[in-house]
């Protein structure tokens, strides 16, 4: 069971991806360890989820929005480069 108590082990890949996108939108970033703990997944699965999010974000926004890794904090962050960002275009709202 995950640390959140919701039993994410049976959640779909898309549900896990959407959960992580919302965590990134909150602005504090997320580490691979937090992904592993929150969603009860392996390190490799956590890396694949981040890759999936990067692909989804790129499809929706090209270079206007990116997921970047901060090596000092060891966390991934959602970075918005252009002012034409619209939260309704995030993959979870389609």
Protein backbone atom coordinates (compact mmCIF):
# COMPACT_ATOMS: atom_id res chain seq x y z
CA UNK A 1 0.00 0.00 0.00
CA UNK A 2 1.25 3.46 -0.80
CA UNK A 3 2.13 6.04 1.80
CA UNK A 4 -0.98 7.95 0.74
CA UNK A 5 -3.20 5.08 1.78
CA UNK A 6 -5.13 4.98 -1.50
CA UNK A 7 -3.77 1.70 -2.86
CA UNK A 8 -2.18 3.09 -6.02
CA UNK A 9 -0.68 -0.31 -6.80
CA UNK A 10 -3.81 -1.15 -8.79
CA UNK A 11 -4.11 2.28 -10.43
CA UNK A 12 -3.61 2.56 -14.16
CA UNK A 13 -0.50 4.07 -15.68
CA UNK A 14 -2.57 7.05 -16.83
CA UNK A 15 -3.95 7.64 -13.32
CA UNK A 16 -0.45 7.55 -11.86
CA UNK A 17 0.78 9.92 -14.60
CA UNK A 18 -2.09 12.34 -13.88
CA UNK A 19 -1.37 12.23 -10.14
CA UNK A 20 2.28 13.13 -10.80
CA UNK A 21 1.35 15.95 -13.18
CA UNK A 22 -0.85 17.45 -10.48
CA UNK A 23 1.99 17.13 -7.95
CA UNK A 24 4.28 18.97 -10.39
CA UNK A 25 1.70 21.71 -10.97
CA UNK A 26 1.68 22.32 -7.20
CA UNK A 27 5.19 23.67 -7.73
CA UNK A 28 7.31 21.95 -5.09
CA UNK A 29 8.73 19.32 -7.40
CA UNK A 30 8.90 15.58 -6.85
CA UNK A 31 11.79 13.16 -6.41
CA UNK A 32 12.02 9.62 -7.71
CA UNK A 33 11.97 8.43 -4.09
CA UNK A 34 8.68 10.29 -3.49
CA UNK A 35 7.21 8.73 -6.63
CA UNK A 36 8.29 5.29 -5.45
CA UNK A 37 6.84 5.82 -1.98
CA UNK A 38 3.61 7.57 -3.03
CA UNK A 39 2.72 5.15 -5.82
CA UNK A 40 4.42 2.00 -4.50
CA UNK A 41 6.42 1.47 -7.71
CA UNK A 42 10.00 0.49 -8.50
CA UNK A 43 12.76 2.92 -9.40
CA UNK A 44 12.54 1.86 -13.06
CA UNK A 45 8.77 2.41 -13.12
CA UNK A 46 9.20 5.85 -11.53
CA UNK A 47 11.68 6.75 -14.30
CA UNK A 48 9.22 5.51 -16.96
CA UNK A 49 6.41 7.58 -15.43
CA UNK A 50 8.58 10.72 -15.58
CA UNK A 51 9.43 9.92 -19.22
CA UNK A 52 5.73 9.49 -19.98
CA UNK A 53 4.95 12.84 -18.38
CA UNK A 54 7.72 14.53 -20.35
CA UNK A 55 6.29 13.11 -23.60
CA UNK A 56 2.72 14.16 -22.73
CA UNK A 57 3.79 17.67 -21.77
CA UNK A 58 5.90 18.03 -24.93
CA UNK A 59 2.98 16.91 -27.13
CA UNK A 60 0.72 19.53 -25.56
CA UNK A 61 3.16 22.43 -25.26
CA UNK A 62 6.32 21.74 -27.32
CA UNK A 63 9.07 23.86 -25.77
CA UNK A 64 6.74 26.15 -23.79
CA UNK A 65 6.58 23.81 -20.79
CA UNK A 66 9.17 21.28 -19.64
CA UNK A 67 9.92 18.88 -16.85
CA UNK A 68 13.46 19.56 -15.61
CA UNK A 69 15.57 17.81 -13.01
CA UNK A 70 17.22 19.91 -10.29
CA UNK A 71 20.40 18.06 -9.32
CA UNK A 72 20.89 20.03 -6.10
CA UNK A 73 17.40 19.27 -4.78
CA UNK A 74 17.15 15.93 -6.59
CA UNK A 75 13.63 16.73 -7.74
CA UNK A 76 11.77 17.12 -11.01
CA UNK A 77 10.02 20.45 -11.60
CA UNK A 78 7.44 21.74 -14.05
CA UNK A 79 8.92 24.79 -15.79
CA UNK A 80 6.65 27.14 -17.77
CA UNK A 81 8.58 29.24 -20.28
CA UNK A 82 5.85 31.08 -22.19
CA UNK A 83 2.87 33.06 -21.02
CA UNK A 84 0.46 31.17 -23.30
CA UNK A 85 0.31 28.27 -20.81
CA UNK A 86 -3.24 27.10 -20.14
CA UNK A 87 -3.80 24.48 -17.46
CA UNK A 88 -6.76 23.10 -19.43
CA UNK A 89 -4.31 21.84 -22.07
CA UNK A 90 -2.59 19.48 -19.62
CA UNK A 91 -3.01 15.85 -20.70
CA UNK A 92 -5.19 15.06 -17.67
CA UNK A 93 -7.96 17.36 -18.91
CA UNK A 94 -8.28 15.72 -22.36
